[in-house]
Amino acid sequence: MNSKQEFLFLIDVMAQVISVVKVSSVKDPLEKERKIDAHNLANRFLQFAMAVLHLSDDNNTVNLPSFGGIKLRDPASMDVLTRASMEAFLVFHQIFYSPAPGDKQGFRYWIYKAAGLAEGQGLPEGKPEHQETKKDTKKLIETIINDNLKSNTIFMSLTPKQREGIATGHQRDLWRWSATANKTLSWSEIATSAGLSPMLARYMYGHLSGHAHSGSRSVFQTQTAVVRGEVHILVSSSLDTMKVLCANMITEYTAIFKEAHDKLLQTGALEFVEAWVQIGRRLGENS
């Protein structure tokens, strides 16, 4: 298989293991809610991966009325989606997979839920129905804090400002909080803890972020590649990174959902998946 075929193979395996999971069958309400959130995030990752694959196609064209068909093979957009994919995997790892005592795991999950709900709390009031929605959402956040966080030792060790900021949406990154380090972990630190090599966790993530933020270096790099006919080089690095991320996502998802793991064994792809996980751990060791 060539690189794109390998990526397609991993996407297909991931789609297979996700498709057999029926979260509606979980009986415990809290466990069911957690499993639904994990399942939805895995589907989000899968959508990103398929979009990256689509953008890598040589035959994509956009028809503009004044210019006709223009070939679209956009490595910059691929890198933006690859960064989003990496962050989706790291959220999955930190919230749903990462081994931790129950108190810590509960903290991460409920902070993550509250932070998501609080994202719209700082918006202008707008229409009456929007005001009602904000009020209802605020009640949900308060319920999470009162029922699930106030008894949590890590939550209670936060400063009053941090605890108040959860409800207002000013502390959205506290799910990355490390009580041991007494700080919010960076994406690179979480990537390292998830087993990605420093080459991916630090340097590749920084490269992808440059494209997401339209940094001058990333813009120049992309345009230079287009002029020189070297777009395939940039595409290749995105595909290799996505293969590592897909393999890791499959591994962690199937560790949480037994039926997904059983399906993975049925596909016969376990060895290939494990190989790409190991590539992601060792990448850059000899450079």
Protein backbone atom coordinates (compact mmCIF):
# COMPACT_ATOMS: atom_id res chain seq x y z
CA MET A 1 0.00 0.00 0.00
CA ASN A 2 1.13 3.55 -0.65
CA SER A 3 0.77 6.25 2.00
CA LYS A 4 -2.73 7.34 0.98
CA GLN A 5 -3.93 3.73 0.82
CA GLU A 6 -2.58 3.13 4.33
CA PHE A 7 -4.45 6.19 5.58
CA LEU A 8 -7.65 5.04 3.88
CA PHE A 9 -7.22 1.60 5.43
CA LEU A 10 -6.92 3.09 8.94
CA ILE A 11 -9.95 5.34 8.38
CA ASP A 12 -11.95 2.31 7.26
CA VAL A 13 -10.89 0.32 10.32
CA MET A 14 -11.88 3.20 12.56
CA ALA A 15 -15.26 3.52 10.89
CA GLN A 16 -15.81 -0.21 11.39
CA VAL A 17 -15.01 -0.22 15.11
CA ILE A 18 -17.14 2.87 15.73
CA SER A 19 -20.11 1.47 13.78
CA VAL A 20 -20.59 -1.56 16.05
CA VAL A 21 -20.87 0.47 19.28
CA LYS A 22 -24.40 0.98 20.66
CA VAL A 23 -24.10 3.43 23.54
CA SER A 24 -27.86 3.39 24.05
CA SER A 25 -27.51 -0.03 25.66
CA VAL A 26 -25.53 1.33 28.66
CA LYS A 27 -27.83 1.22 31.69
CA ASP A 28 -26.14 3.49 34.23
CA PRO A 29 -27.19 7.09 33.34
CA LEU A 30 -23.88 8.75 34.22
CA GLU A 31 -21.82 6.07 32.51
CA LYS A 32 -24.11 6.29 29.48
CA GLU A 33 -23.60 10.06 29.26
CA ARG A 34 -19.84 9.64 29.44
CA LYS A 35 -19.84 6.90 26.79
CA ILE A 36 -22.02 8.99 24.46
CA ASP A 37 -19.61 11.91 24.75
CA ALA A 38 -16.63 9.64 24.04
CA HIS A 39 -18.42 8.07 21.07
CA ASN A 40 -19.38 11.47 19.64
CA LEU A 41 -15.81 12.75 19.95
CA ALA A 42 -14.50 9.69 18.12
CA ASN A 43 -16.99 10.38 15.32
CA ARG A 44 -15.78 13.99 15.19
CA PHE A 45 -12.23 12.71 14.75
CA LEU A 46 -13.39 10.36 11.99
CA GLN A 47 -15.01 13.27 10.12
CA PHE A 48 -11.77 15.25 10.32
CA ALA A 49 -9.80 12.29 9.01
CA MET A 50 -12.11 11.79 6.03
CA ALA A 51 -11.89 15.51 5.22
CA VAL A 52 -8.08 15.34 5.23
CA LEU A 53 -8.22 12.35 2.90
CA HIS A 54 -10.58 14.19 0.56
CA LEU A 55 -8.32 17.28 0.40
CA SER A 56 -5.34 15.09 -0.48
CA ASP A 57 -7.01 13.99 -3.73
CA ASP A 58 -5.27 15.22 -6.90
CA ASN A 59 -8.57 15.41 -8.77
CA ASN A 60 -10.43 17.93 -6.60
CA THR A 61 -11.57 21.01 -8.51
CA VAL A 62 -13.53 24.15 -7.69
CA ASN A 63 -15.49 25.75 -10.54
CA LEU A 64 -15.33 29.54 -10.46
CA PRO A 65 -17.57 31.39 -12.95
CA SER A 66 -14.73 33.60 -14.19
CA PHE A 67 -11.99 30.98 -14.27
CA GLY A 68 -13.62 27.58 -14.73
CA GLY A 69 -12.27 24.51 -12.95
CA ILE A 70 -9.37 25.19 -10.58
CA LYS A 71 -7.50 22.23 -9.13
CA LEU A 72 -7.67 22.14 -5.34
CA ARG A 73 -5.06 20.25 -3.40
CA ASP A 74 -4.63 22.34 -0.31
CA PRO A 75 -1.91 21.22 2.14
CA ALA A 76 -2.54 24.23 4.40
CA SER A 77 -6.16 23.22 4.99
CA MET A 78 -5.00 19.64 5.50
CA ASP A 79 -2.66 20.87 8.22
CA VAL A 80 -5.45 22.86 9.89
CA LEU A 81 -7.59 19.72 9.97
CA THR A 82 -4.65 17.61 11.12
CA ARG A 83 -4.17 19.97 14.06
CA ALA A 84 -7.89 19.72 14.87
CA SER A 85 -7.57 15.93 14.66
CA MET A 86 -4.61 15.92 17.02
CA GLU A 87 -6.48 18.04 19.55
CA ALA A 88 -9.57 15.82 19.25
CA PHE A 89 -7.40 12.79 20.01
CA LEU A 90 -5.71 14.54 22.93
CA VAL A 91 -9.08 15.54 24.43
CA PHE A 92 -10.21 11.93 24.06
CA HIS A 93 -7.02 10.72 25.73
CA GLN A 94 -7.17 13.15 28.61
CA ILE A 95 -10.90 12.98 29.31
CA PHE A 96 -11.91 9.42 28.50
CA TYR A 97 -8.85 7.19 28.29
CA SER A 98 -6.00 8.38 30.47
CA PRO A 99 -5.69 6.08 33.50
CA ALA A 100 -6.35 8.08 36.64
CA PRO A 101 -7.92 7.67 40.08
CA GLY A 102 -11.67 8.17 40.01
CA ASP A 103 -11.47 11.60 41.61
CA LYS A 104 -9.13 12.96 38.94
CA GLN A 105 -11.04 11.39 36.07
CA GLY A 106 -14.32 12.75 37.37
CA PHE A 107 -12.79 16.21 37.64
CA ARG A 108 -11.56 16.22 34.06
CA TYR A 109 -14.82 14.97 32.61
CA TRP A 110 -17.20 17.28 34.48
CA ILE A 111 -14.97 20.32 33.96
CA TYR A 112 -14.91 19.46 30.25
CA LYS A 113 -18.72 19.24 30.21
CA ALA A 114 -19.18 22.49 32.11
CA ALA A 115 -16.65 24.31 29.94
CA GLY A 116 -18.49 23.28 26.79
CA LEU A 117 -21.79 24.51 28.15
CA ALA A 118 -20.24 27.78 29.31
CA GLU A 119 -18.88 28.74 25.88
CA GLY A 120 -21.97 30.79 25.05
CA GLN A 121 -22.37 32.49 28.41
CA GLY A 122 -20.33 35.53 27.40
CA LEU A 123 -22.35 36.26 24.25
CA PRO A 124 -24.63 39.34 24.07
CA GLU A 125 -28.17 38.78 25.31
CA GLY A 126 -29.77 39.00 21.87
CA LYS A 127 -33.32 37.75 21.32
CA PRO A 128 -35.56 36.70 24.25
CA GLU A 129 -35.28 33.03 23.28
CA HIS A 130 -31.48 33.34 23.39
CA GLN A 131 -31.72 34.80 26.89
CA GLU A 132 -33.83 31.86 27.99
CA THR A 133 -31.33 29.44 26.48
CA LYS A 134 -28.50 31.10 28.38
CA LYS A 135 -30.48 30.88 31.63
CA ASP A 136 -31.23 27.19 31.07
CA THR A 137 -27.60 26.50 30.23
CA LYS A 138 -26.45 28.33 33.35
CA LYS A 139 -28.71 26.07 35.44
CA LEU A 140 -27.15 23.00 33.82
CA ILE A 141 -23.67 24.29 34.63
CA GLU A 142 -24.69 24.94 38.24
CA THR A 143 -26.11 21.42 38.46
CA ILE A 144 -22.82 19.95 37.26
CA ILE A 145 -20.89 22.02 39.79
CA ASN A 146 -23.20 21.24 42.70
CA ASP A 147 -23.81 17.55 41.96
CA ASN A 148 -20.51 16.44 40.48
CA LEU A 149 -17.73 18.87 41.33
CA LYS A 150 -18.23 20.31 44.80
CA SER A 151 -17.34 16.95 46.34
CA ASN A 152 -14.25 16.67 44.16
CA THR A 153 -10.99 17.33 45.99
CA ILE A 154 -9.21 18.73 42.93
CA PHE A 155 -12.08 21.13 42.24
CA MET A 156 -12.06 22.31 45.86
CA SER A 157 -8.28 22.88 45.69
CA LEU A 158 -8.76 25.44 42.89
CA THR A 159 -8.74 29.14 43.70
CA PRO A 160 -12.12 30.88 44.11
CA LYS A 161 -11.42 32.77 40.88
CA GLN A 162 -10.86 29.52 39.00
CA ARG A 163 -14.02 27.93 40.38
CA GLU A 164 -16.11 30.99 39.54
CA GLY A 165 -14.64 31.14 36.05
CA ILE A 166 -16.00 27.70 35.21
CA ALA A 167 -19.58 28.95 35.33
CA THR A 168 -18.85 32.15 33.39
CA GLY A 169 -16.82 30.51 30.63
CA HIS A 170 -13.56 32.22 31.60
CA GLN A 171 -11.87 28.97 32.66
CA ARG A 172 -12.51 26.67 29.69
CA ASP A 173 -9.12 24.93 29.83
CA LEU A 174 -9.29 23.64 33.40
CA TRP A 175 -9.90 20.10 32.14
CA ARG A 176 -6.17 20.30 31.35
CA TRP A 177 -5.39 21.27 34.94
CA SER A 178 -2.72 19.22 36.71
CA ALA A 179 -3.02 19.32 40.49
CA THR A 180 0.43 17.73 40.77
CA ALA A 181 2.12 20.35 38.58
CA ASN A 182 -0.25 23.09 39.79
CA LYS A 183 -0.74 24.38 36.26
CA THR A 184 -2.76 23.97 33.07
CA LEU A 185 -0.97 21.47 30.86
CA SER A 186 -0.09 22.53 27.33
CA TRP A 187 -1.26 20.54 24.32
CA SER A 188 2.34 19.41 23.81
CA GLU A 189 2.55 18.10 27.37
CA ILE A 190 -0.66 16.14 26.95
CA ALA A 191 0.61 14.78 23.61
CA THR A 192 3.78 13.59 25.32
CA SER A 193 1.78 11.90 28.09
CA ALA A 194 -0.33 10.22 25.37
CA GLY A 195 2.84 8.62 24.01
CA LEU A 196 3.53 10.80 20.97
CA SER A 197 7.20 11.46 20.26
CA PRO A 198 8.65 14.93 20.90
CA MET A 199 8.83 15.36 17.11
CA LEU A 200 5.02 15.12 16.94
CA ALA A 201 4.12 16.54 20.35
CA ARG A 202 6.20 19.69 20.04
CA TYR A 203 7.52 20.34 16.57
CA MET A 204 4.75 18.96 14.40
CA TYR A 205 2.07 20.48 16.62
CA GLY A 206 3.82 23.84 16.33
CA HIS A 207 4.03 23.48 12.55
CA LEU A 208 0.31 22.65 12.32
CA SER A 209 -0.55 25.58 14.57
CA GLY A 210 1.35 27.91 12.25
CA HIS A 211 -1.00 26.93 9.44
CA ALA A 212 -4.08 27.22 11.67
CA HIS A 213 -3.04 30.77 12.63
CA SER A 214 -1.90 31.75 9.10
CA GLY A 215 1.62 32.47 10.29
CA SER A 216 3.88 34.16 7.73
CA ARG A 217 6.26 31.19 7.62
CA SER A 218 3.44 28.73 6.93
CA VAL A 219 1.97 30.93 4.18
CA PHE A 220 5.36 31.31 2.52
CA GLN A 221 6.06 27.58 2.84
CA THR A 222 2.78 26.60 1.18
CA GLN A 223 3.07 29.08 -1.69
CA THR A 224 6.68 28.10 -2.31
CA ALA A 225 5.67 24.44 -2.50
CA VAL A 226 2.93 25.31 -5.01
CA VAL A 227 5.33 27.29 -7.24
CA ARG A 228 8.00 24.57 -7.12
CA GLY A 229 5.54 21.73 -7.64
CA GLU A 230 6.40 20.26 -4.24
CA VAL A 231 2.92 20.18 -2.69
CA HIS A 232 3.22 16.40 -2.39
CA ILE A 233 5.92 16.84 0.26
CA LEU A 234 3.61 18.85 2.53
CA VAL A 235 0.73 16.46 1.85
CA SER A 236 2.93 13.52 2.81
CA SER A 237 3.75 14.91 6.27
CA SER A 238 0.06 15.50 7.00
CA LEU A 239 -0.90 11.99 5.94
CA ASP A 240 1.85 10.39 8.04
CA THR A 241 0.78 12.41 11.09
CA MET A 242 -2.85 11.46 10.52
CA LYS A 243 -1.93 7.77 10.30
CA VAL A 244 -0.28 7.97 13.70
CA LEU A 245 -3.27 9.80 15.17
CA CYS A 246 -5.78 7.36 13.64
CA ALA A 247 -3.88 4.38 15.02
CA ASN A 248 -3.77 5.92 18.50
CA MET A 249 -7.46 6.87 18.37
CA ILE A 250 -8.42 3.34 17.32
CA THR A 251 -6.32 1.91 20.15
CA GLU A 252 -7.84 4.10 22.85
CA TYR A 253 -11.41 3.90 21.55
CA THR A 254 -11.30 0.10 21.42
CA ALA A 255 -9.88 0.02 24.96
CA ILE A 256 -13.03 1.78 26.20
CA PHE A 257 -15.63 -0.07 24.12
CA LYS A 258 -15.35 -3.87 24.27
CA GLU A 259 -17.48 -4.45 21.18
CA ALA A 260 -15.20 -2.12 19.25
CA HIS A 261 -12.16 -4.12 20.39
CA ASP A 262 -13.81 -7.35 19.30
CA LYS A 263 -14.47 -5.78 15.90
CA LEU A 264 -10.86 -4.64 15.63
CA LEU A 265 -9.72 -8.23 16.15
CA GLN A 266 -12.14 -9.39 13.46
CA THR A 267 -10.73 -6.93 10.92
CA GLY A 268 -7.25 -8.44 11.24
CA ALA A 269 -5.83 -4.92 11.39
CA LEU A 270 -4.53 -4.97 14.98
CA GLU A 271 -0.89 -5.51 14.03
CA PHE A 272 -0.99 -2.70 11.46
CA VAL A 273 -2.61 -0.34 13.97
CA GLU A 274 -0.05 -1.20 16.64
CA ALA A 275 2.77 -0.63 14.15
CA TRP A 276 1.63 2.94 13.50
CA VAL A 277 1.24 3.59 17.22
CA GLN A 278 4.89 2.58 17.64
CA ILE A 279 5.97 4.74 14.71
CA GLY A 280 4.35 7.70 16.47
CA ARG A 281 6.28 6.94 19.65
CA ARG A 282 9.67 6.66 17.94
CA LEU A 283 9.36 9.30 15.20
CA GLY A 284 12.39 11.56 15.11
CA GLU A 285 14.56 9.44 17.44
CA ASN A 286 17.42 9.18 14.98
CA SER A 287 17.19 12.68 13.51
